[in-house]
Amino acid sequence: MDKATMTKCFNEWMRRYIEEPERFEREFETVGAFMRDEQSGVEPSYGEASAAYMSQIATELQLS
């Protein structure tokens, strides 16, 4: 994903967050999981999940 596409995806993510914040409540739960993973020496899965979501947005916007 190039920088321009990523920029559009992040802007779309923010639009969705503003319009439907309840869809993102789970994000606050993932903070604890991220911290537990790091403390346990495990690579957190947040980055992978976020990358998948950005790819999904790109597909929905027909950017990829």
PDB file of N, CA and C in Angstrom:
ATOM      1  N   MET A   1       0.854  -1.162   0.000  1.00  0.00           N
ATOM      2  CA  MET A   1       0.000   0.000   0.000  1.00  0.00           C
ATOM      3  C   MET A   1       0.906   1.232   0.000  1.00  0.00           C
ATOM      4  N   ASP A   2       0.693   2.094  -0.962  1.00  0.00           N
ATOM      5  CA  ASP A   2       1.535   3.291  -1.031  1.00  0.00           C
ATOM      6  C   ASP A   2       1.026   4.360  -0.054  1.00  0.00           C
ATOM      7  N   LYS A   3       1.804   5.409   0.095  1.00  0.00           N
ATOM      8  CA  LYS A   3       1.504   6.449   1.085  1.00  0.00           C
ATOM      9  C   LYS A   3       0.173   7.146   0.800  1.00  0.00           C
ATOM     10  N   ALA A   4      -0.129   7.426  -0.458  1.00  0.00           N
ATOM     11  CA  ALA A   4      -1.379   8.111  -0.801  1.00  0.00           C
ATOM     12  C   ALA A   4      -2.590   7.244  -0.450  1.00  0.00           C
ATOM     13  N   THR A   5      -2.499   5.960  -0.739  1.00  0.00           N
ATOM     14  CA  THR A   5      -3.586   5.044  -0.413  1.00  0.00           C
ATOM     15  C   THR A   5      -3.740   4.924   1.095  1.00  0.00           C
ATOM     16  N   MET A   6      -2.623   4.814   1.793  1.00  0.00           N
ATOM     17  CA  MET A   6      -2.662   4.713   3.243  1.00  0.00           C
ATOM     18  C   MET A   6      -3.279   5.970   3.850  1.00  0.00           C
ATOM     19  N   THR A   7      -2.947   7.129   3.305  1.00  0.00           N
ATOM     20  CA  THR A   7      -3.509   8.389   3.784  1.00  0.00           C
ATOM     21  C   THR A   7      -5.024   8.387   3.637  1.00  0.00           C
ATOM     22  N   LYS A   8      -5.522   7.964   2.481  1.00  0.00           N
ATOM     23  CA  LYS A   8      -6.972   7.896   2.258  1.00  0.00           C
ATOM     24  C   LYS A   8      -7.631   6.925   3.226  1.00  0.00           C
ATOM     25  N   CYS A   9      -6.977   5.802   3.470  1.00  0.00           N
ATOM     26  CA  CYS A   9      -7.525   4.806   4.394  1.00  0.00           C
ATOM     27  C   CYS A   9      -7.599   5.346   5.818  1.00  0.00           C
ATOM     28  N   PHE A  10      -6.549   6.026   6.262  1.00  0.00           N
ATOM     29  CA  PHE A  10      -6.577   6.588   7.611  1.00  0.00           C
ATOM     30  C   PHE A  10      -7.628   7.686   7.727  1.00  0.00           C
ATOM     31  N   ASN A  11      -7.816   8.483   6.690  1.00  0.00           N
ATOM     32  CA  ASN A  11      -8.866   9.502   6.718  1.00  0.00           C
ATOM     33  C   ASN A  11     -10.242   8.848   6.791  1.00  0.00           C
ATOM     34  N   GLU A  12     -10.434   7.755   6.054  1.00  0.00           N
ATOM     35  CA  GLU A  12     -11.700   7.023   6.106  1.00  0.00           C
ATOM     36  C   GLU A  12     -11.903   6.412   7.490  1.00  0.00           C
ATOM     37  N   TRP A  13     -10.818   5.875   8.065  1.00  0.00           N
ATOM     38  CA  TRP A  13     -10.906   5.323   9.424  1.00  0.00           C
ATOM     39  C   TRP A  13     -11.394   6.399  10.396  1.00  0.00           C
ATOM     40  N   MET A  14     -10.844   7.593  10.296  1.00  0.00           N
ATOM     41  CA  MET A  14     -11.246   8.682  11.188  1.00  0.00           C
ATOM     42  C   MET A  14     -12.705   9.061  10.962  1.00  0.00           C
ATOM     43  N   ARG A  15     -13.151   9.106   9.694  1.00  0.00           N
ATOM     44  CA  ARG A  15     -14.553   9.408   9.417  1.00  0.00           C
ATOM     45  C   ARG A  15     -15.464   8.390  10.108  1.00  0.00           C
ATOM     46  N   ARG A  16     -15.112   7.121   9.973  1.00  0.00           N
ATOM     47  CA  ARG A  16     -15.909   6.060  10.588  1.00  0.00           C
ATOM     48  C   ARG A  16     -15.892   6.183  12.104  1.00  0.00           C
ATOM     49  N   TYR A  17     -14.747   6.511  12.656  1.00  0.00           N
ATOM     50  CA  TYR A  17     -14.624   6.663  14.109  1.00  0.00           C
ATOM     51  C   TYR A  17     -15.513   7.802  14.603  1.00  0.00           C
ATOM     52  N   ILE A  18     -15.542   8.900  13.877  1.00  0.00           N
ATOM     53  CA  ILE A  18     -16.360  10.051  14.263  1.00  0.00           C
ATOM     54  C   ILE A  18     -17.846   9.729  14.126  1.00  0.00           C
ATOM     55  N   GLU A  19     -18.223   9.077  13.022  1.00  0.00           N
ATOM     56  CA  GLU A  19     -19.631   8.797  12.743  1.00  0.00           C
ATOM     57  C   GLU A  19     -20.191   7.640  13.569  1.00  0.00           C
ATOM     58  N   GLU A  20     -19.370   6.655  13.896  1.00  0.00           N
ATOM     59  CA  GLU A  20     -19.841   5.480  14.624  1.00  0.00           C
ATOM     60  C   GLU A  20     -18.839   5.063  15.708  1.00  0.00           C
ATOM     61  N   PRO A  21     -18.640   5.893  16.706  1.00  0.00           N
ATOM     62  CA  PRO A  21     -17.621   5.580  17.715  1.00  0.00           C
ATOM     63  C   PRO A  21     -17.865   4.254  18.432  1.00  0.00           C
ATOM     64  N   GLU A  22     -19.122   3.838  18.513  1.00  0.00           N
ATOM     65  CA  GLU A  22     -19.417   2.581  19.200  1.00  0.00           C
ATOM     66  C   GLU A  22     -18.777   1.373  18.508  1.00  0.00           C
ATOM     67  N   ARG A  23     -18.523   1.484  17.210  1.00  0.00           N
ATOM     68  CA  ARG A  23     -17.858   0.386  16.489  1.00  0.00           C
ATOM     69  C   ARG A  23     -16.414   0.210  16.941  1.00  0.00           C
ATOM     70  N   PHE A  24     -15.866   1.198  17.599  1.00  0.00           N
ATOM     71  CA  PHE A  24     -14.452   1.180  17.961  1.00  0.00           C
ATOM     72  C   PHE A  24     -14.221   0.984  19.460  1.00  0.00           C
ATOM     73  N   GLU A  25     -15.276   0.668  20.199  1.00  0.00           N
ATOM     74  CA  GLU A  25     -15.128   0.463  21.637  1.00  0.00           C
ATOM     75  C   GLU A  25     -14.138  -0.656  21.938  1.00  0.00           C
ATOM     76  N   ARG A  26     -14.084  -1.647  21.085  1.00  0.00           N
ATOM     77  CA  ARG A  26     -13.176  -2.774  21.289  1.00  0.00           C
ATOM     78  C   ARG A  26     -11.713  -2.319  21.279  1.00  0.00           C
ATOM     79  N   GLU A  27     -11.419  -1.223  20.605  1.00  0.00           N
ATOM     80  CA  GLU A  27     -10.044  -0.723  20.559  1.00  0.00           C
ATOM     81  C   GLU A  27      -9.494  -0.475  21.961  1.00  0.00           C
ATOM     82  N   PHE A  28     -10.343   0.001  22.846  1.00  0.00           N
ATOM     83  CA  PHE A  28      -9.894   0.276  24.208  1.00  0.00           C
ATOM     84  C   PHE A  28      -9.565  -1.019  24.945  1.00  0.00           C
ATOM     85  N   GLU A  29     -10.277  -2.102  24.605  1.00  0.00           N
ATOM     86  CA  GLU A  29      -9.986  -3.405  25.200  1.00  0.00           C
ATOM     87  C   GLU A  29      -8.646  -3.941  24.704  1.00  0.00           C
ATOM     88  N   THR A  30      -8.280  -3.611  23.479  1.00  0.00           N
ATOM     89  CA  THR A  30      -7.048  -4.151  22.909  1.00  0.00           C
ATOM     90  C   THR A  30      -5.800  -3.547  23.543  1.00  0.00           C
ATOM     91  N   VAL A  31      -5.945  -2.400  24.187  1.00  0.00           N
ATOM     92  CA  VAL A  31      -4.785  -1.786  24.854  1.00  0.00           C
ATOM     93  C   VAL A  31      -4.245  -2.732  25.919  1.00  0.00           C
ATOM     94  N   GLY A  32      -5.129  -3.284  26.719  1.00  0.00           N
ATOM     95  CA  GLY A  32      -4.715  -4.215  27.764  1.00  0.00           C
ATOM     96  C   GLY A  32      -4.041  -5.445  27.190  1.00  0.00           C
ATOM     97  N   ALA A  33      -4.616  -5.995  26.126  1.00  0.00           N
ATOM     98  CA  ALA A  33      -4.032  -7.180  25.486  1.00  0.00           C
ATOM     99  C   ALA A  33      -2.658  -6.852  24.915  1.00  0.00           C
ATOM    100  N   PHE A  34      -2.525  -5.686  24.310  1.00  0.00           N
ATOM    101  CA  PHE A  34      -1.244  -5.255  23.749  1.00  0.00           C
ATOM    102  C   PHE A  34      -0.181  -5.183  24.844  1.00  0.00           C
ATOM    103  N   MET A  35      -0.540  -4.565  25.945  1.00  0.00           N
ATOM    104  CA  MET A  35       0.414  -4.410  27.046  1.00  0.00           C
ATOM    105  C   MET A  35       0.791  -5.765  27.655  1.00  0.00           C
ATOM    106  N   ARG A  36      -0.191  -6.653  27.806  1.00  0.00           N
ATOM    107  CA  ARG A  36       0.104  -7.988  28.338  1.00  0.00           C
ATOM    108  C   ARG A  36       1.040  -8.749  27.416  1.00  0.00           C
ATOM    109  N   ASP A  37       0.783  -8.663  26.103  1.00  0.00           N
ATOM    110  CA  ASP A  37       1.650  -9.343  25.137  1.00  0.00           C
ATOM    111  C   ASP A  37       3.079  -8.827  25.242  1.00  0.00           C
ATOM    112  N   GLU A  38       3.229  -7.503  25.253  1.00  0.00           N
ATOM    113  CA  GLU A  38       4.573  -6.924  25.343  1.00  0.00           C
ATOM    114  C   GLU A  38       5.279  -7.335  26.630  1.00  0.00           C
ATOM    115  N   GLN A  39       4.563  -7.313  27.726  1.00  0.00           N
ATOM    116  CA  GLN A  39       5.164  -7.681  29.011  1.00  0.00           C
ATOM    117  C   GLN A  39       5.564  -9.154  29.043  1.00  0.00           C
ATOM    118  N   SER A  40       4.852  -9.974  28.258  1.00  0.00           N
ATOM    119  CA  SER A  40       5.150 -11.409  28.203  1.00  0.00           C
ATOM    120  C   SER A  40       6.207 -11.734  27.161  1.00  0.00           C
ATOM    121  N   GLY A  41       6.662 -10.711  26.439  1.00  0.00           N
ATOM    122  CA  GLY A  41       7.657 -10.941  25.398  1.00  0.00           C
ATOM    123  C   GLY A  41       7.072 -11.491  24.117  1.00  0.00           C
ATOM    124  N   VAL A  42       5.758 -11.358  23.962  1.00  0.00           N
ATOM    125  CA  VAL A  42       5.058 -11.834  22.770  1.00  0.00           C
ATOM    126  C   VAL A  42       4.829 -10.646  21.838  1.00  0.00           C
ATOM    127  N   GLU A  43       5.023 -10.866  20.549  1.00  0.00           N
ATOM    128  CA  GLU A  43       4.754  -9.804  19.571  1.00  0.00           C
ATOM    129  C   GLU A  43       3.249  -9.528  19.559  1.00  0.00           C
ATOM    130  N   PRO A  44       2.823  -8.301  19.880  1.00  0.00           N
ATOM    131  CA  PRO A  44       1.390  -7.985  19.882  1.00  0.00           C
ATOM    132  C   PRO A  44       0.773  -8.170  18.495  1.00  0.00           C
ATOM    133  N   SER A  45      -0.491  -8.557  18.491  1.00  0.00           N
ATOM    134  CA  SER A  45      -1.180  -8.790  17.221  1.00  0.00           C
ATOM    135  C   SER A  45      -1.902  -7.542  16.721  1.00  0.00           C
ATOM    136  N   TYR A  46      -1.826  -6.445  17.468  1.00  0.00           N
ATOM    137  CA  TYR A  46      -2.553  -5.231  17.090  1.00  0.00           C
ATOM    138  C   TYR A  46      -2.154  -4.722  15.709  1.00  0.00           C
ATOM    139  N   GLY A  47      -0.865  -4.685  15.440  1.00  0.00           N
ATOM    140  CA  GLY A  47      -0.400  -4.190  14.141  1.00  0.00           C
ATOM    141  C   GLY A  47      -0.938  -5.014  12.993  1.00  0.00           C
ATOM    142  N   GLU A  48      -0.939  -6.325  13.163  1.00  0.00           N
ATOM    143  CA  GLU A  48      -1.456  -7.211  12.119  1.00  0.00           C
ATOM    144  C   GLU A  48      -2.952  -6.985  11.911  1.00  0.00           C
ATOM    145  N   ALA A  49      -3.696  -6.879  13.007  1.00  0.00           N
ATOM    146  CA  ALA A  49      -5.134  -6.649  12.905  1.00  0.00           C
ATOM    147  C   ALA A  49      -5.425  -5.287  12.275  1.00  0.00           C
ATOM    148  N   SER A  50      -4.649  -4.278  12.641  1.00  0.00           N
ATOM    149  CA  SER A  50      -4.842  -2.934  12.081  1.00  0.00           C
ATOM    150  C   SER A  50      -4.513  -2.903  10.597  1.00  0.00           C
ATOM    151  N   ALA A  51      -3.456  -3.594  10.208  1.00  0.00           N
ATOM    152  CA  ALA A  51      -3.086  -3.658   8.789  1.00  0.00           C
ATOM    153  C   ALA A  51      -4.192  -4.326   7.984  1.00  0.00           C
ATOM    154  N   ALA A  52      -4.781  -5.375   8.547  1.00  0.00           N
ATOM    155  CA  ALA A  52      -5.881  -6.060   7.856  1.00  0.00           C
ATOM    156  C   ALA A  52      -7.077  -5.127   7.702  1.00  0.00           C
ATOM    157  N   TYR A  53      -7.359  -4.331   8.733  1.00  0.00           N
ATOM    158  CA  TYR A  53      -8.478  -3.396   8.661  1.00  0.00           C
ATOM    159  C   TYR A  53      -8.218  -2.312   7.616  1.00  0.00           C
ATOM    160  N   MET A  54      -7.004  -1.805   7.552  1.00  0.00           N
ATOM    161  CA  MET A  54      -6.666  -0.807   6.536  1.00  0.00           C
ATOM    162  C   MET A  54      -6.800  -1.405   5.134  1.00  0.00           C
ATOM    163  N   SER A  55      -6.404  -2.646   4.970  1.00  0.00           N
ATOM    164  CA  SER A  55      -6.556  -3.314   3.671  1.00  0.00           C
ATOM    165  C   SER A  55      -8.030  -3.457   3.320  1.00  0.00           C
ATOM    166  N   GLN A  56      -8.847  -3.771   4.332  1.00  0.00           N
ATOM    167  CA  GLN A  56     -10.285  -3.888   4.109  1.00  0.00           C
ATOM    168  C   GLN A  56     -10.862  -2.549   3.661  1.00  0.00           C
ATOM    169  N   ILE A  57     -10.464  -1.467   4.325  1.00  0.00           N
ATOM    170  CA  ILE A  57     -10.937  -0.137   3.935  1.00  0.00           C
ATOM    171  C   ILE A  57     -10.510   0.171   2.506  1.00  0.00           C
ATOM    172  N   ALA A  58      -9.265  -0.126   2.163  1.00  0.00           N
ATOM    173  CA  ALA A  58      -8.776   0.129   0.803  1.00  0.00           C
ATOM    174  C   ALA A  58      -9.620  -0.620  -0.214  1.00  0.00           C
ATOM    175  N   THR A  59      -9.980  -1.861   0.104  1.00  0.00           N
ATOM    176  CA  THR A  59     -10.817  -2.649  -0.802  1.00  0.00           C
ATOM    177  C   THR A  59     -12.197  -2.021  -0.923  1.00  0.00           C
ATOM    178  N   GLU A  60     -12.783  -1.634   0.216  1.00  0.00           N
ATOM    179  CA  GLU A  60     -14.107  -1.011   0.197  1.00  0.00           C
ATOM    180  C   GLU A  60     -14.110   0.289  -0.597  1.00  0.00           C
ATOM    181  N   LEU A  61     -13.024   1.032  -0.519  1.00  0.00           N
ATOM    182  CA  LEU A  61     -12.921   2.295  -1.262  1.00  0.00           C
ATOM    183  C   LEU A  61     -12.418   2.077  -2.685  1.00  0.00           C
ATOM    184  N   GLN A  62     -12.187   0.813  -3.019  1.00  0.00           N
ATOM    185  CA  GLN A  62     -11.667   0.417  -4.331  1.00  0.00           C
ATOM    186  C   GLN A  62     -10.343   1.111  -4.631  1.00  0.00           C
ATOM    187  N   LEU A  63      -9.468   1.126  -3.615  1.00  0.00           N
ATOM    188  CA  LEU A  63      -8.146   1.730  -3.773  1.00  0.00           C
ATOM    189  C   LEU A  63      -7.089   0.678  -4.054  1.00  0.00           C
ATOM    190  N   SER A  64      -7.445  -0.586  -3.866  1.00  0.00           N
ATOM    191  CA  SER A  64      -6.456  -1.638  -4.122  1.00  0.00           C
ATOM    192  C   SER A  64      -7.052  -2.732  -4.969  1.00  0.00           C
TER     193      SER A  64
END
